[in-house]
N, C-alpha and C. Protein backbone atom coordinates (compact mmCIF):
# COMPACT_ATOMS: atom_id res chain seq x y z
N MET A 1 2.76 2.02 -3.54
CA MET A 1 2.27 3.17 -3.02
C MET A 1 3.36 4.30 -3.29
N TYR A 2 4.59 3.87 -3.43
CA TYR A 2 5.61 4.77 -3.43
C TYR A 2 6.52 4.46 -4.87
N THR A 3 7.32 5.51 -5.23
CA THR A 3 8.48 5.29 -6.22
C THR A 3 9.65 5.13 -5.32
N ILE A 4 10.63 3.97 -5.87
CA ILE A 4 11.65 3.72 -5.23
C ILE A 4 12.97 3.77 -6.19
N ASN A 5 14.27 4.07 -5.66
CA ASN A 5 15.33 3.96 -6.46
C ASN A 5 16.10 2.67 -6.69
N GLU A 6 17.05 2.66 -7.10
CA GLU A 6 17.71 1.25 -7.28
C GLU A 6 18.06 0.62 -5.96
N GLN A 7 18.26 1.43 -5.12
CA GLN A 7 18.76 1.01 -3.63
C GLN A 7 17.48 0.68 -2.60
N GLN A 8 16.35 0.76 -3.25
CA GLN A 8 15.06 0.44 -2.76
C GLN A 8 14.75 1.48 -1.63
N ARG A 9 15.13 2.81 -1.73
CA ARG A 9 14.83 3.94 -0.92
C ARG A 9 13.62 4.47 -1.40
N LEU A 10 12.90 5.02 -0.68
CA LEU A 10 11.53 6.13 -1.13
C LEU A 10 12.12 7.36 -1.75
N ILE A 11 11.56 7.64 -2.91
CA ILE A 11 11.84 8.96 -3.76
C ILE A 11 10.56 9.82 -3.73
N GLY A 12 9.42 9.04 -3.65
CA GLY A 12 8.29 9.84 -3.79
C GLY A 12 6.94 9.12 -3.87
N ILE A 13 5.82 9.70 -3.75
CA ILE A 13 4.61 9.03 -3.86
C ILE A 13 4.16 8.76 -5.04
N ASN A 14 3.45 7.41 -5.40
CA ASN A 14 3.40 6.99 -6.79
C ASN A 14 1.94 7.05 -7.09
N GLU A 15 1.76 8.66 -7.37
CA GLU A 15 0.59 9.39 -8.04
C GLU A 15 1.02 10.28 -9.24
N PRO A 16 0.01 10.44 -10.05
CA PRO A 16 0.41 11.49 -11.28
C PRO A 16 0.89 12.61 -10.67
N ASP A 17 0.25 13.46 -9.46
CA ASP A 17 0.91 14.45 -9.14
C ASP A 17 2.31 14.31 -8.20
N GLY A 18 2.61 13.21 -7.92
CA GLY A 18 3.73 12.82 -6.96
C GLY A 18 3.44 13.26 -5.50
N GLY A 19 4.68 13.58 -5.20
CA GLY A 19 4.64 14.09 -3.79
C GLY A 19 5.85 13.66 -2.95
N GLN A 20 6.07 14.09 -1.63
CA GLN A 20 7.06 13.73 -0.76
C GLN A 20 6.98 12.32 -0.28
N ALA A 21 7.71 11.47 -0.44
CA ALA A 21 7.71 10.23 0.39
C ALA A 21 7.81 10.38 1.70
N PRO A 22 7.58 9.40 2.83
CA PRO A 22 7.78 9.57 4.09
C PRO A 22 9.03 9.00 4.42
N ALA A 23 9.46 9.50 5.63
CA ALA A 23 10.83 9.16 6.02
C ALA A 23 10.86 7.45 6.19
N ILE A 24 9.92 7.05 6.54
CA ILE A 24 10.05 5.45 6.93
C ILE A 24 8.50 5.17 6.48
N PHE A 25 8.58 3.98 6.11
CA PHE A 25 7.34 2.99 5.87
C PHE A 25 7.65 1.95 6.36
N ILE A 26 6.48 1.39 7.21
CA ILE A 26 6.48 0.03 7.85
C ILE A 26 5.32 -0.58 7.40
N GLY A 27 5.66 -1.74 6.80
CA GLY A 27 4.52 -2.85 6.34
C GLY A 27 4.73 -3.95 7.24
N MET A 28 3.52 -4.48 7.88
CA MET A 28 3.57 -5.68 8.49
C MET A 28 2.47 -6.57 7.72
N THR A 29 3.10 -7.69 7.35
CA THR A 29 2.43 -8.86 6.50
C THR A 29 2.51 -10.03 7.41
N SER A 30 1.76 -11.08 6.72
CA SER A 30 1.68 -12.36 7.47
C SER A 30 2.89 -12.78 7.08
N ALA A 31 3.81 -12.39 6.16
CA ALA A 31 5.21 -13.19 5.96
C ALA A 31 6.40 -12.18 6.48
N GLY A 32 5.68 -10.96 7.38
CA GLY A 32 6.81 -10.52 7.91
C GLY A 32 6.80 -9.07 7.77
N SER A 33 7.52 -8.15 8.18
CA SER A 33 7.59 -6.70 8.09
C SER A 33 8.55 -6.31 6.67
N LEU A 34 8.13 -5.22 6.25
CA LEU A 34 8.74 -4.62 5.05
C LEU A 34 9.05 -3.18 5.62
N ILE A 35 10.16 -2.80 5.38
CA ILE A 35 10.54 -1.45 5.83
C ILE A 35 11.14 -0.72 4.68
N TYR A 36 10.92 0.37 4.66
CA TYR A 36 11.36 1.32 3.33
C TYR A 36 11.90 2.61 3.98
N TYR A 37 12.99 3.27 3.66
CA TYR A 37 13.36 4.44 4.06
C TYR A 37 13.59 5.37 2.86
N HIS A 38 13.41 6.67 3.24
CA HIS A 38 13.46 7.79 2.45
C HIS A 38 14.96 7.79 1.97
N GLU A 39 15.22 8.16 0.59
CA GLU A 39 16.43 8.11 -0.24
C GLU A 39 17.24 9.02 0.80
N GLN A 40 16.91 10.18 1.43
CA GLN A 40 17.71 11.04 1.94
C GLN A 40 17.91 10.89 3.68
N LEU A 41 17.41 9.79 4.02
CA LEU A 41 17.60 9.45 5.41
C LEU A 41 19.02 8.82 5.65
N PRO A 42 19.77 9.48 6.75
CA PRO A 42 21.31 8.94 6.71
C PRO A 42 21.49 7.54 7.24
N PRO A 43 22.35 6.69 6.91
CA PRO A 43 22.49 5.22 6.84
C PRO A 43 22.65 4.96 8.60
N ASP A 44 23.20 5.53 9.25
CA ASP A 44 23.16 5.62 10.77
C ASP A 44 21.80 5.66 11.51
N LEU A 45 20.96 6.45 10.83
CA LEU A 45 19.65 6.84 11.56
C LEU A 45 18.71 5.54 10.86
N MET A 46 18.82 4.98 9.73
CA MET A 46 18.27 3.88 9.18
C MET A 46 18.81 2.55 10.15
N ILE A 47 19.84 2.44 10.46
CA ILE A 47 20.13 1.29 11.34
C ILE A 47 19.41 1.51 12.64
N GLU A 48 19.40 2.65 13.22
CA GLU A 48 18.61 2.96 14.53
C GLU A 48 17.19 2.64 14.21
N LEU A 49 16.63 3.10 13.45
CA LEU A 49 15.24 2.83 13.15
C LEU A 49 14.79 1.58 13.02
N GLY A 50 15.78 0.76 12.33
CA GLY A 50 15.57 -0.71 11.79
C GLY A 50 15.24 -1.64 13.18
N LYS A 51 16.23 -0.97 14.27
CA LYS A 51 16.19 -1.89 15.65
C LYS A 51 14.97 -1.73 16.22
N ASP A 52 14.14 -0.32 16.03
CA ASP A 52 12.79 -0.18 16.76
C ASP A 52 11.50 -0.66 15.87
N CYS A 53 11.71 -1.31 14.62
CA CYS A 53 10.63 -1.64 13.96
C CYS A 53 10.12 -3.11 13.95
N GLU A 54 10.29 -3.64 15.25
CA GLU A 54 9.50 -4.96 15.39
C GLU A 54 8.33 -4.74 16.42
N LEU A 55 7.52 -5.59 16.23
CA LEU A 55 6.26 -5.39 16.91
C LEU A 55 6.60 -5.82 18.53
N PRO A 56 5.82 -5.34 19.67
CA PRO A 56 5.15 -3.98 19.21
C PRO A 56 5.83 -2.94 19.02
N LEU A 57 5.35 -2.06 18.19
CA LEU A 57 5.89 -0.84 17.68
C LEU A 57 5.84 0.15 18.62
N ASP A 58 7.08 1.06 19.09
CA ASP A 58 6.80 2.16 19.91
C ASP A 58 6.87 3.33 19.14
N ILE A 59 5.52 3.74 18.59
CA ILE A 59 5.36 4.93 17.65
C ILE A 59 5.93 6.19 18.09
N PRO A 60 6.06 6.60 19.51
CA PRO A 60 6.61 7.84 19.85
C PRO A 60 7.94 7.87 19.86
N LYS A 61 8.73 6.45 20.12
CA LYS A 61 10.11 6.48 20.07
C LYS A 61 10.59 6.61 18.55
N LEU A 62 9.92 6.04 17.75
CA LEU A 62 10.22 6.07 16.16
C LEU A 62 10.08 7.63 15.65
N ILE A 63 9.05 8.32 16.12
CA ILE A 63 8.78 9.79 15.79
C ILE A 63 10.05 10.47 16.03
N ARG A 64 10.44 10.15 17.59
CA ARG A 64 11.53 11.13 18.01
C ARG A 64 12.88 10.70 17.35
N LYS A 65 12.93 9.69 16.76
CA LYS A 65 14.23 9.32 16.10
C LYS A 65 14.00 9.93 14.53
N VAL A 66 13.09 10.02 13.91
CA VAL A 66 12.79 10.30 12.63
C VAL A 66 12.96 12.02 12.98
N GLU A 67 12.74 12.58 14.00
CA GLU A 67 12.78 14.06 14.20
C GLU A 67 14.23 14.43 14.33
N THR A 68 15.13 13.83 14.47
CA THR A 68 16.59 14.14 14.45
C THR A 68 16.83 14.37 12.92
N PHE A 69 16.18 13.82 11.99
CA PHE A 69 16.40 14.04 10.75
C PHE A 69 15.69 15.39 10.46
N GLU A 70 14.34 15.08 10.37
CA GLU A 70 13.32 16.22 10.08
C GLU A 70 12.15 16.22 10.63
N PRO A 71 11.27 17.37 10.98
CA PRO A 71 10.28 17.33 11.78
C PRO A 71 9.01 16.34 11.16
N VAL A 72 8.38 15.61 12.27
CA VAL A 72 7.21 14.83 11.63
C VAL A 72 6.04 15.70 11.76
N ASN A 73 5.52 15.87 10.44
CA ASN A 73 4.01 16.72 10.60
C ASN A 73 2.90 15.76 10.81
N ARG A 74 3.08 14.63 10.21
CA ARG A 74 2.00 13.53 10.04
C ARG A 74 2.45 12.14 10.23
N VAL A 75 1.43 11.30 10.89
CA VAL A 75 1.84 9.88 10.97
C VAL A 75 0.42 9.38 10.38
N TRP A 76 0.72 8.47 9.43
CA TRP A 76 -0.71 7.63 8.90
C TRP A 76 -0.37 6.15 9.13
N MET A 77 -1.38 5.60 9.70
CA MET A 77 -1.61 4.14 9.91
C MET A 77 -2.65 3.52 9.67
N GLY A 78 -2.63 2.58 8.90
CA GLY A 78 -3.89 1.67 8.54
C GLY A 78 -3.74 0.38 7.92
N PRO A 79 -4.54 -0.29 7.88
CA PRO A 79 -4.57 -1.66 7.15
C PRO A 79 -4.74 -1.49 5.71
N ALA A 80 -4.09 -2.29 4.92
CA ALA A 80 -4.09 -2.80 3.37
C ALA A 80 -4.72 -3.95 3.32
N TYR A 81 -5.48 -4.13 1.98
CA TYR A 81 -6.06 -5.38 1.87
C TYR A 81 -5.87 -5.82 0.62
N ALA A 82 -5.75 -6.99 0.35
CA ALA A 82 -5.48 -7.84 -0.79
C ALA A 82 -6.99 -8.33 -1.13
N PHE A 83 -7.04 -8.64 -2.67
CA PHE A 83 -8.11 -9.35 -3.02
C PHE A 83 -7.84 -10.80 -3.34
N PRO A 84 -7.89 -11.67 -2.64
CA PRO A 84 -7.35 -13.26 -2.97
C PRO A 84 -8.14 -13.98 -3.89
N GLU A 85 -9.54 -13.60 -3.96
CA GLU A 85 -10.50 -14.17 -4.84
C GLU A 85 -10.82 -13.18 -5.94
N LEU A 86 -10.84 -13.60 -6.99
CA LEU A 86 -11.19 -12.97 -8.26
C LEU A 86 -13.07 -12.97 -8.29
N SER A 87 -13.48 -11.75 -8.24
CA SER A 87 -14.91 -11.74 -8.37
C SER A 87 -15.35 -11.43 -9.87
N HIS A 88 -16.12 -12.49 -10.18
CA HIS A 88 -16.62 -11.94 -11.54
C HIS A 88 -18.05 -11.36 -11.75
N GLU A 89 -18.60 -11.10 -10.55
CA GLU A 89 -19.78 -10.68 -10.59
C GLU A 89 -20.11 -9.20 -9.92
N TRP A 90 -21.06 -8.42 -10.46
CA TRP A 90 -21.19 -6.97 -9.62
C TRP A 90 -22.43 -6.60 -10.22
N ASN A 91 -23.09 -5.45 -9.72
CA ASN A 91 -24.44 -5.11 -10.03
C ASN A 91 -24.36 -4.35 -11.47
N GLN A 92 -25.19 -4.83 -12.11
CA GLN A 92 -25.47 -4.41 -13.50
C GLN A 92 -25.56 -2.88 -13.88
N LYS A 93 -25.61 -2.13 -12.69
CA LYS A 93 -25.36 -0.51 -12.84
C LYS A 93 -23.98 -0.14 -12.75
N VAL A 94 -23.00 -0.99 -12.58
CA VAL A 94 -21.67 -0.71 -12.51
C VAL A 94 -21.22 -0.91 -13.97
N GLN A 95 -20.37 -0.08 -14.34
CA GLN A 95 -19.71 0.07 -15.67
C GLN A 95 -18.29 0.70 -15.58
N LEU A 96 -17.60 0.13 -16.44
CA LEU A 96 -16.13 0.75 -16.79
C LEU A 96 -16.40 2.29 -17.28
N ILE A 97 -15.70 3.24 -17.25
CA ILE A 97 -15.67 4.47 -17.49
C ILE A 97 -14.34 4.75 -18.45
N GLY A 98 -14.79 4.97 -19.52
CA GLY A 98 -13.74 5.52 -20.69
C GLY A 98 -14.07 6.91 -21.19
N GLN A 99 -13.18 7.14 -22.11
CA GLN A 99 -13.64 8.67 -22.77
C GLN A 99 -14.88 8.79 -23.06
N GLU A 100 -15.51 7.79 -23.52
CA GLU A 100 -16.82 8.04 -24.38
C GLU A 100 -18.07 8.04 -23.21
N GLN A 101 -17.47 7.55 -21.81
CA GLN A 101 -18.70 7.71 -20.69
C GLN A 101 -18.36 8.84 -19.59
N ARG A 102 -17.35 9.22 -20.10
CA ARG A 102 -16.66 10.50 -18.92
C ARG A 102 -17.86 11.49 -18.64
N TYR A 103 -18.97 11.61 -19.43
CA TYR A 103 -19.82 12.57 -19.14
C TYR A 103 -20.58 12.10 -17.66
N LEU A 104 -20.39 10.86 -17.69
CA LEU A 104 -21.23 10.38 -16.37
C LEU A 104 -20.46 10.68 -15.01
N LEU A 105 -19.39 11.28 -15.14
CA LEU A 105 -18.76 11.79 -13.92
C LEU A 105 -18.89 13.18 -13.52
N ALA A 106 -19.62 13.96 -14.69
CA ALA A 106 -19.62 15.42 -14.51
C ALA A 106 -20.23 15.93 -13.37
N GLU A 107 -21.38 15.26 -12.81
CA GLU A 107 -22.06 15.74 -11.62
C GLU A 107 -21.29 15.59 -10.09
N HIS A 108 -20.83 14.53 -9.93
CA HIS A 108 -20.28 14.32 -8.95
C HIS A 108 -18.51 14.21 -8.71
N PHE A 109 -18.05 13.82 -9.81
CA PHE A 109 -16.69 13.51 -9.65
C PHE A 109 -15.92 14.26 -11.09
N PRO A 110 -16.28 15.51 -11.22
CA PRO A 110 -15.68 16.17 -12.51
C PRO A 110 -14.02 16.15 -12.67
N GLU A 111 -13.41 16.08 -11.60
CA GLU A 111 -12.04 16.10 -11.34
C GLU A 111 -11.24 14.96 -12.07
N LEU A 112 -12.35 13.93 -12.07
CA LEU A 112 -11.55 12.92 -12.50
C LEU A 112 -11.62 12.64 -14.10
N THR A 113 -12.25 13.22 -14.67
CA THR A 113 -12.40 13.40 -16.11
C THR A 113 -11.09 13.42 -16.93
N ASP A 114 -10.08 14.23 -16.39
CA ASP A 114 -8.63 14.62 -16.98
C ASP A 114 -7.66 13.56 -16.68
N TYR A 115 -8.18 12.43 -15.79
CA TYR A 115 -7.00 11.69 -15.40
C TYR A 115 -7.66 10.05 -15.45
N LEU A 116 -8.56 9.80 -16.59
CA LEU A 116 -9.09 8.59 -16.69
C LEU A 116 -8.11 7.58 -17.17
N TYR A 117 -6.93 8.02 -17.92
CA TYR A 117 -6.07 7.15 -18.38
C TYR A 117 -5.07 6.78 -17.17
N GLU A 118 -4.47 7.71 -16.41
CA GLU A 118 -3.73 7.74 -15.38
C GLU A 118 -4.53 6.79 -14.21
N LYS A 119 -5.54 6.62 -14.14
CA LYS A 119 -6.37 6.13 -12.90
C LYS A 119 -6.97 4.87 -13.33
N SER A 120 -7.08 4.64 -14.68
CA SER A 120 -7.51 3.08 -15.29
C SER A 120 -7.10 2.07 -14.51
N PRO A 121 -8.17 1.00 -14.26
CA PRO A 121 -9.41 1.23 -14.66
C PRO A 121 -10.27 2.01 -13.86
N VAL A 122 -11.27 2.55 -14.38
CA VAL A 122 -12.34 3.47 -13.67
C VAL A 122 -13.55 2.65 -13.57
N ALA A 123 -14.22 2.30 -12.50
CA ALA A 123 -15.47 1.63 -12.59
C ALA A 123 -16.46 2.59 -11.69
N ALA A 124 -17.70 2.74 -12.14
CA ALA A 124 -18.73 3.50 -11.61
C ALA A 124 -20.04 2.87 -11.30
N TYR A 125 -20.41 3.27 -10.18
CA TYR A 125 -21.91 2.98 -10.24
C TYR A 125 -23.06 3.92 -10.55
N VAL A 126 -23.71 3.82 -11.57
CA VAL A 126 -24.33 4.62 -12.30
C VAL A 126 -25.81 4.63 -12.00
N ILE A 127 -26.50 5.76 -11.61
CA ILE A 127 -28.02 5.93 -11.36
C ILE A 127 -28.45 7.20 -12.39
N GLY A 128 -29.19 6.66 -13.29
CA GLY A 128 -29.66 7.72 -14.32
C GLY A 128 -28.44 7.85 -15.13
N ASP A 129 -28.17 9.29 -15.24
CA ASP A 129 -27.38 9.59 -16.11
C ASP A 129 -25.74 10.26 -15.56
N SER A 130 -25.61 9.59 -13.92
CA SER A 130 -24.80 10.12 -13.30
C SER A 130 -23.85 9.06 -12.41
N ALA A 131 -22.74 9.02 -12.10
CA ALA A 131 -21.79 8.14 -11.47
C ALA A 131 -22.06 8.57 -10.02
N VAL A 132 -22.52 7.58 -9.19
CA VAL A 132 -22.72 8.03 -7.63
C VAL A 132 -21.64 7.44 -6.90
N ALA A 133 -20.89 6.34 -7.33
CA ALA A 133 -19.83 5.85 -6.68
C ALA A 133 -18.75 5.62 -7.77
N VAL A 134 -17.45 5.73 -7.46
CA VAL A 134 -16.40 5.55 -8.32
C VAL A 134 -15.23 4.69 -7.39
N CYS A 135 -14.52 3.90 -8.37
CA CYS A 135 -13.48 2.92 -7.77
C CYS A 135 -12.58 3.27 -9.02
N CYS A 136 -11.17 3.65 -8.77
CA CYS A 136 -10.32 4.01 -9.59
C CYS A 136 -8.99 3.53 -9.20
N SER A 137 -7.75 3.63 -9.98
CA SER A 137 -6.54 3.32 -9.42
C SER A 137 -5.81 4.56 -8.90
N ALA A 138 -5.53 4.51 -7.40
CA ALA A 138 -4.90 5.71 -7.02
C ALA A 138 -3.45 5.71 -7.35
N ARG A 139 -2.81 4.40 -7.27
CA ARG A 139 -1.44 4.41 -7.66
C ARG A 139 -1.13 3.23 -8.63
N LEU A 140 -0.46 3.15 -9.54
CA LEU A 140 0.01 1.91 -10.43
C LEU A 140 1.16 1.57 -10.44
N SER A 141 1.70 0.52 -10.50
CA SER A 141 3.00 0.07 -10.92
C SER A 141 2.78 -1.06 -11.97
N ASN A 142 3.90 -1.82 -12.20
CA ASN A 142 3.90 -2.93 -13.21
C ASN A 142 3.23 -4.28 -12.34
N HIS A 143 3.22 -4.06 -11.13
CA HIS A 143 2.82 -5.25 -10.20
C HIS A 143 1.50 -5.02 -9.58
N GLY A 144 1.28 -3.76 -9.26
CA GLY A 144 -0.17 -3.68 -8.47
C GLY A 144 -0.83 -2.37 -8.65
N ALA A 145 -1.85 -2.28 -8.21
CA ALA A 145 -2.99 -1.05 -8.28
C ALA A 145 -3.51 -1.07 -7.09
N GLU A 146 -3.37 0.52 -6.43
CA GLU A 146 -4.00 0.48 -5.09
C GLU A 146 -5.53 1.25 -5.43
N ALA A 147 -6.57 0.66 -4.84
CA ALA A 147 -7.80 1.38 -5.09
C ALA A 147 -8.17 2.79 -4.34
N SER A 148 -8.75 3.67 -5.28
CA SER A 148 -9.19 4.83 -4.57
C SER A 148 -10.63 4.93 -4.73
N LEU A 149 -11.42 5.15 -3.62
CA LEU A 149 -12.93 4.99 -3.84
C LEU A 149 -13.42 6.07 -3.35
N TYR A 150 -14.76 6.66 -4.04
CA TYR A 150 -15.49 7.76 -3.70
C TYR A 150 -16.97 7.50 -3.85
N THR A 151 -17.51 8.02 -2.75
CA THR A 151 -19.09 7.77 -3.06
C THR A 151 -19.71 9.31 -2.65
N ALA A 152 -20.46 9.93 -3.57
CA ALA A 152 -21.12 11.04 -3.28
C ALA A 152 -21.86 11.04 -2.07
N PRO A 153 -21.97 12.11 -1.39
CA PRO A 153 -22.76 12.43 -0.30
C PRO A 153 -24.31 12.17 -0.73
N GLY A 154 -24.93 11.53 0.28
CA GLY A 154 -26.30 11.09 -0.14
C GLY A 154 -26.54 9.95 -1.05
N TYR A 155 -25.56 9.22 -1.46
CA TYR A 155 -25.64 7.97 -1.87
C TYR A 155 -24.85 6.97 -0.95
N ARG A 156 -24.34 7.19 0.04
CA ARG A 156 -23.38 6.28 1.01
C ARG A 156 -24.34 5.47 1.77
N GLY A 157 -23.74 4.36 2.11
CA GLY A 157 -24.27 3.57 2.88
C GLY A 157 -25.33 2.44 2.28
N HIS A 158 -25.21 2.64 1.03
CA HIS A 158 -26.18 1.40 0.12
C HIS A 158 -25.59 0.41 -0.61
N GLY A 159 -24.09 0.34 -0.27
CA GLY A 159 -23.24 -0.75 -0.96
C GLY A 159 -22.93 -0.55 -2.22
N TYR A 160 -22.93 0.84 -2.78
CA TYR A 160 -22.61 1.18 -4.10
C TYR A 160 -21.02 1.07 -4.35
N ALA A 161 -20.71 1.34 -3.40
CA ALA A 161 -18.85 1.20 -3.46
C ALA A 161 -18.44 -0.15 -3.79
N VAL A 162 -19.06 -0.87 -2.73
CA VAL A 162 -18.64 -2.47 -2.89
C VAL A 162 -18.76 -3.07 -4.27
N GLU A 163 -19.72 -2.79 -4.94
CA GLU A 163 -20.00 -3.02 -6.23
C GLU A 163 -19.04 -2.64 -7.17
N THR A 164 -18.68 -1.22 -7.04
CA THR A 164 -17.61 -0.75 -7.98
C THR A 164 -16.44 -1.24 -7.66
N VAL A 165 -16.08 -1.51 -6.53
CA VAL A 165 -14.75 -2.28 -6.27
C VAL A 165 -14.37 -3.60 -6.77
N LYS A 166 -15.58 -4.41 -6.77
CA LYS A 166 -15.65 -5.59 -7.28
C LYS A 166 -15.23 -5.61 -8.95
N CYS A 167 -15.83 -4.68 -9.50
CA CYS A 167 -15.68 -4.57 -11.05
C CYS A 167 -14.05 -3.86 -11.18
N TRP A 168 -13.72 -3.21 -10.56
CA TRP A 168 -12.29 -2.59 -10.76
C TRP A 168 -11.42 -3.67 -10.23
N GLN A 169 -11.51 -4.18 -9.31
CA GLN A 169 -10.40 -5.39 -8.92
C GLN A 169 -10.29 -6.54 -10.08
N TYR A 170 -11.57 -6.63 -10.76
CA TYR A 170 -11.53 -7.72 -11.82
C TYR A 170 -10.82 -7.36 -13.08
N TYR A 171 -10.99 -6.03 -13.40
CA TYR A 171 -10.05 -5.46 -14.54
C TYR A 171 -8.75 -5.12 -14.24
N VAL A 172 -8.53 -4.89 -12.81
CA VAL A 172 -7.14 -4.91 -12.52
C VAL A 172 -6.20 -6.06 -12.58
N LYS A 173 -7.02 -7.20 -12.08
CA LYS A 173 -6.21 -8.65 -12.17
C LYS A 173 -6.18 -9.04 -13.63
N GLU A 174 -7.36 -8.77 -14.50
CA GLU A 174 -7.35 -8.86 -15.97
C GLU A 174 -6.05 -8.34 -16.49
N ARG A 175 -5.38 -7.31 -16.15
CA ARG A 175 -4.28 -6.56 -16.83
C ARG A 175 -3.06 -6.89 -16.06
N GLY A 176 -3.08 -8.13 -15.06
CA GLY A 176 -1.94 -8.67 -14.87
C GLY A 176 -1.43 -7.89 -13.40
N ARG A 177 -1.99 -7.21 -12.72
CA ARG A 177 -1.47 -6.56 -11.67
C ARG A 177 -2.35 -7.13 -10.18
N MET A 178 -2.05 -6.88 -9.25
CA MET A 178 -2.40 -7.27 -7.84
C MET A 178 -3.26 -6.02 -7.37
N PRO A 179 -4.60 -6.35 -7.29
CA PRO A 179 -5.35 -5.06 -6.63
C PRO A 179 -5.15 -5.02 -5.16
N ILE A 180 -4.98 -3.91 -4.63
CA ILE A 180 -5.15 -3.60 -3.13
C ILE A 180 -5.71 -2.44 -2.71
N TYR A 181 -6.30 -2.40 -1.49
CA TYR A 181 -6.91 -1.26 -0.97
C TYR A 181 -6.51 -1.03 0.42
N SER A 182 -5.96 0.36 0.70
CA SER A 182 -5.59 0.80 2.04
C SER A 182 -6.71 1.85 2.66
N THR A 183 -6.45 1.71 3.89
CA THR A 183 -7.16 2.91 4.55
C THR A 183 -6.74 3.29 5.90
N SER A 184 -7.12 4.43 6.45
CA SER A 184 -6.48 4.53 7.69
C SER A 184 -7.44 4.03 8.84
N TRP A 185 -6.90 3.78 9.95
CA TRP A 185 -7.35 3.08 10.96
C TRP A 185 -8.82 3.63 11.52
N ASP A 186 -8.86 4.92 11.47
CA ASP A 186 -9.92 5.69 11.93
C ASP A 186 -11.05 5.89 10.66
N ASN A 187 -10.77 5.42 9.60
CA ASN A 187 -11.91 5.50 8.65
C ASN A 187 -12.71 4.36 8.87
N LEU A 188 -13.72 4.29 9.67
CA LEU A 188 -14.21 2.97 9.82
C LEU A 188 -15.40 2.58 8.37
N ALA A 189 -15.83 3.59 7.75
CA ALA A 189 -16.82 3.58 6.64
C ALA A 189 -15.86 2.84 5.65
N SER A 190 -14.71 3.22 5.51
CA SER A 190 -13.87 2.81 4.29
C SER A 190 -13.58 1.31 4.74
N GLN A 191 -13.40 1.02 5.94
CA GLN A 191 -12.99 -0.49 6.35
C GLN A 191 -14.17 -1.30 5.93
């Protein structure tokens, strides 16, 4: 999700256009917590925050501590999913989108046509001559890829997105990366 420096500190968002990394990232897994701090966070504040990163999290307390460093404008929380099993089957209307098929994105997803390489693999559910749902890589590293999923209005609720994700995750695993999918807690349709 993020780029990190040699000291394992956050330096940016792992996307083609980048962006500011958060002051702190807390990931809760079955194996324990993963905590990463922004590269500019003072060491004494990191120690203080580390003491408060155990379950149950006291989010307002964490925010107050971070605000001694910089204002908190946004808090993002949500689940992240891994794909434990490799799916070999998906609807036959789903296909990989390369340079030759990019015209299929024109109607609903024209902004993706300039980023096919960076967001590869790109899988799409195609009806007629138009992609109506697309799953691509929002963030890539040598080890993993995070799904980015879009369904055109009017085509939602039909399971098209699920089929595109099956295809996307297959090709991510074929390339030796771990596919993951994350969303916010309030995005029930995404979950």
